[in-house]
């Protein structure tokens, strides 16, 4: 994320549909460090893998915490097809991590020490808008670029009504 503050009002330069993945973990038992630390590092490893290969489709991400127990990543993707492709790619670390988790689950060796979750949303063009004030690019704007709010409209209703010139396609910078 850029640390240079954009002065005034800006909005995300997203075009077309926007795919948002929320994915995270919850530490259920702090004392089970040997269970939850590898999960946390696996999340970071997948993010590094995605950053190293932009063709996989991850546009941007924000790592957040909801509590001392819960950590999650807001991810912005080019398309649901690219998200699915990464999730199922045999060469991706995600595939290996889930194979390990599934094996442990079948063997009964998971003891509820760490929880995993994800939610995926596809926001069609015209179903999202954004505004930032005196902020460096953040969230959707960090993933797709930002532009002066006047280009999309000063009011939320105007930004919701904005349509990309070609009228289709996934969010792109």
Protein backbone atom coordinates (compact mmCIF):
# COMPACT_ATOMS: atom_id res chain seq x y z
CA UNK A 1 0.00 0.00 0.00
CA UNK A 2 1.24 3.43 -0.88
CA UNK A 3 1.95 5.68 2.09
CA UNK A 4 1.59 8.88 0.08
CA UNK A 5 -1.58 10.63 1.17
CA UNK A 6 -3.93 11.74 -1.58
CA UNK A 7 -5.29 15.13 -0.59
CA UNK A 8 -9.02 15.67 -0.78
CA UNK A 9 -11.69 13.24 -1.89
CA UNK A 10 -10.83 10.22 -4.04
CA UNK A 11 -12.62 7.05 -5.08
CA UNK A 12 -11.53 3.63 -6.26
CA UNK A 13 -10.88 3.28 -9.98
CA UNK A 14 -12.51 -0.19 -10.07
CA UNK A 15 -14.26 -1.15 -13.31
CA UNK A 16 -16.81 -3.88 -13.81
CA UNK A 17 -17.65 -6.48 -11.21
CA UNK A 18 -15.64 -6.56 -7.99
CA UNK A 19 -14.77 -9.87 -6.31
CA UNK A 20 -14.05 -9.64 -2.58
CA UNK A 21 -12.80 -12.55 -0.49
CA UNK A 22 -12.68 -12.33 3.30
CA UNK A 23 -10.57 -15.15 4.67
CA UNK A 24 -9.21 -15.70 8.11
CA UNK A 25 -8.49 -17.69 11.22
CA UNK A 26 -9.48 -17.64 14.86
CA UNK A 27 -7.19 -18.80 17.65
CA UNK A 28 -9.46 -20.90 19.88
CA UNK A 29 -6.75 -21.94 22.35
CA UNK A 30 -3.79 -19.57 22.76
CA UNK A 31 -1.73 -22.25 24.48
CA UNK A 32 -1.87 -24.45 21.34
CA UNK A 33 0.79 -22.38 19.59
CA UNK A 34 1.97 -25.44 17.64
CA UNK A 35 -1.49 -25.56 16.00
CA UNK A 36 -2.29 -21.95 15.13
CA UNK A 37 1.13 -20.47 14.30
CA UNK A 38 1.54 -22.73 11.23
CA UNK A 39 -1.93 -21.66 10.02
CA UNK A 40 -1.01 -17.98 10.37
CA UNK A 41 2.25 -18.50 8.48
CA UNK A 42 0.41 -20.47 5.79
CA UNK A 43 -1.85 -17.43 5.24
CA UNK A 44 1.21 -15.22 4.84
CA UNK A 45 2.89 -17.73 2.51
CA UNK A 46 -0.16 -17.80 0.23
CA UNK A 47 -0.19 -13.99 0.10
CA UNK A 48 3.52 -13.95 -0.86
CA UNK A 49 2.86 -16.59 -3.53
CA UNK A 50 0.02 -14.51 -4.98
CA UNK A 51 2.06 -11.30 -4.88
CA UNK A 52 4.87 -13.03 -6.77
CA UNK A 53 2.52 -14.05 -9.61
CA UNK A 54 0.03 -11.28 -10.52
CA UNK A 55 -1.37 -13.45 -13.33
CA UNK A 56 -3.15 -15.52 -10.65
CA UNK A 57 -5.58 -12.59 -10.27
CA UNK A 58 -5.14 -11.11 -6.80
CA UNK A 59 -5.41 -7.33 -7.23
CA UNK A 60 -4.80 -6.31 -3.64
CA UNK A 61 -5.25 -7.26 -0.02
CA UNK A 62 -5.45 -5.88 3.50
CA UNK A 63 -4.43 -7.94 6.54
CA UNK A 64 -6.62 -7.08 9.54
CA UNK A 65 -7.40 -8.22 13.04
CA UNK A 66 -10.88 -8.38 14.55
CA UNK A 67 -9.63 -9.24 18.03
CA UNK A 68 -6.55 -10.72 19.67
CA UNK A 69 -7.92 -14.09 18.50
CA UNK A 70 -9.13 -13.37 14.97
CA UNK A 71 -7.01 -12.41 11.96
CA UNK A 72 -8.25 -12.04 8.42
CA UNK A 73 -7.43 -10.79 4.98
CA UNK A 74 -9.68 -8.74 2.73
CA UNK A 75 -8.71 -9.70 -0.81
CA UNK A 76 -9.76 -8.13 -4.12
CA UNK A 77 -9.68 -10.42 -7.17
CA UNK A 78 -9.85 -9.87 -10.93
CA UNK A 79 -12.63 -12.44 -11.24
CA UNK A 80 -14.26 -15.35 -9.47
CA UNK A 81 -12.78 -17.64 -12.13
CA UNK A 82 -9.24 -16.61 -11.16
CA UNK A 83 -10.07 -17.02 -7.48
CA UNK A 84 -11.43 -20.54 -8.12
CA UNK A 85 -8.44 -21.36 -10.32
CA UNK A 86 -6.01 -20.43 -7.54
CA UNK A 87 -8.01 -22.29 -4.90
CA UNK A 88 -7.88 -25.51 -6.93
CA UNK A 89 -4.49 -25.21 -8.65
CA UNK A 90 -2.37 -28.28 -7.80
CA UNK A 91 0.81 -26.18 -7.95
CA UNK A 92 -0.46 -23.56 -5.48
CA UNK A 93 0.37 -23.64 -1.78
CA UNK A 94 -3.37 -23.34 -0.98
CA UNK A 95 -3.91 -26.81 -2.43
CA UNK A 96 -1.16 -28.28 -0.25
CA UNK A 97 -2.37 -26.50 2.91
CA UNK A 98 -5.94 -27.76 2.47
CA UNK A 99 -4.73 -31.28 1.75
CA UNK A 100 -2.89 -31.25 5.09
CA UNK A 101 -5.93 -29.85 6.92
CA UNK A 102 -8.26 -32.41 5.33
CA UNK A 103 -5.89 -35.25 6.19
CA UNK A 104 -5.72 -34.11 9.82
CA UNK A 105 -9.50 -33.78 9.96
CA UNK A 106 -10.04 -37.32 8.63
CA UNK A 107 -7.47 -38.68 11.10
CA UNK A 108 -9.21 -36.94 13.98
CA UNK A 109 -6.05 -35.06 14.93
CA UNK A 110 -7.62 -31.60 14.85
CA UNK A 111 -8.74 -30.56 18.29
CA UNK A 112 -10.49 -27.27 17.65
CA UNK A 113 -7.43 -25.18 18.48
CA UNK A 114 -7.78 -22.95 15.42
CA UNK A 115 -10.80 -22.03 13.33
CA UNK A 116 -10.77 -21.17 9.63
CA UNK A 117 -13.34 -19.26 7.63
CA UNK A 118 -13.95 -17.43 4.39
CA UNK A 119 -16.71 -15.47 2.69
CA UNK A 120 -16.75 -14.50 -0.98
CA UNK A 121 -18.78 -11.66 -2.47
CA UNK A 122 -19.23 -10.64 -6.08
CA UNK A 123 -20.41 -7.06 -6.32
CA UNK A 124 -21.72 -6.32 -9.80
CA UNK A 125 -20.83 -2.99 -11.33
CA UNK A 126 -23.29 -0.44 -9.95
CA UNK A 127 -23.52 -2.26 -6.61
CA UNK A 128 -20.51 -0.72 -4.92
CA UNK A 129 -19.00 2.71 -4.42
CA UNK A 130 -16.19 4.17 -2.37
CA UNK A 131 -14.89 7.42 -1.03
CA UNK A 132 -11.65 8.29 0.74
CA UNK A 133 -10.64 11.61 2.28
CA UNK A 134 -7.01 12.58 2.81
CA UNK A 135 -6.01 8.90 2.66
CA UNK A 136 -3.33 6.96 0.87
CA UNK A 137 -4.91 4.37 -1.43
CA UNK A 138 -6.58 1.78 0.81
CA UNK A 139 -8.77 -1.26 0.31
CA UNK A 140 -10.39 -1.29 -3.12
CA UNK A 141 -8.51 1.86 -4.15
CA UNK A 142 -5.17 0.22 -3.29
CA UNK A 143 -6.19 -2.80 -5.39
CA UNK A 144 -7.54 -0.96 -8.43
CA UNK A 145 -6.05 2.52 -8.25
CA UNK A 146 -7.69 5.74 -7.17
CA UNK A 147 -8.94 8.81 -8.94
CA UNK A 148 -10.47 12.15 -8.01
CA UNK A 149 -14.01 11.65 -6.77
CA UNK A 150 -15.34 14.10 -9.37
CA UNK A 151 -14.59 11.52 -12.10
CA UNK A 152 -17.29 9.24 -10.63
CA UNK A 153 -19.46 11.73 -8.75
CA UNK A 154 -19.44 13.69 -5.49
CA UNK A 155 -22.45 11.79 -4.14
CA UNK A 156 -22.72 8.07 -3.40
CA UNK A 157 -25.72 7.73 -5.74
CA UNK A 158 -23.62 9.11 -8.61
CA UNK A 159 -20.76 6.69 -7.88
CA UNK A 160 -23.20 3.76 -7.74
CA UNK A 161 -24.57 4.83 -11.13
CA UNK A 162 -21.10 5.00 -12.76
CA UNK A 163 -20.46 2.45 -15.50
CA UNK A 164 -17.15 1.58 -17.13
CA UNK A 165 -16.78 2.77 -20.71
CA UNK A 166 -16.90 -0.78 -22.10
CA UNK A 167 -19.61 -1.81 -19.62
CA UNK A 168 -18.05 -5.13 -18.66
CA UNK A 169 -15.04 -6.83 -17.25
CA UNK A 170 -13.57 -7.36 -13.86
CA UNK A 171 -12.10 -4.67 -11.69
CA UNK A 172 -8.74 -3.56 -13.05
CA UNK A 173 -6.36 -0.74 -12.26
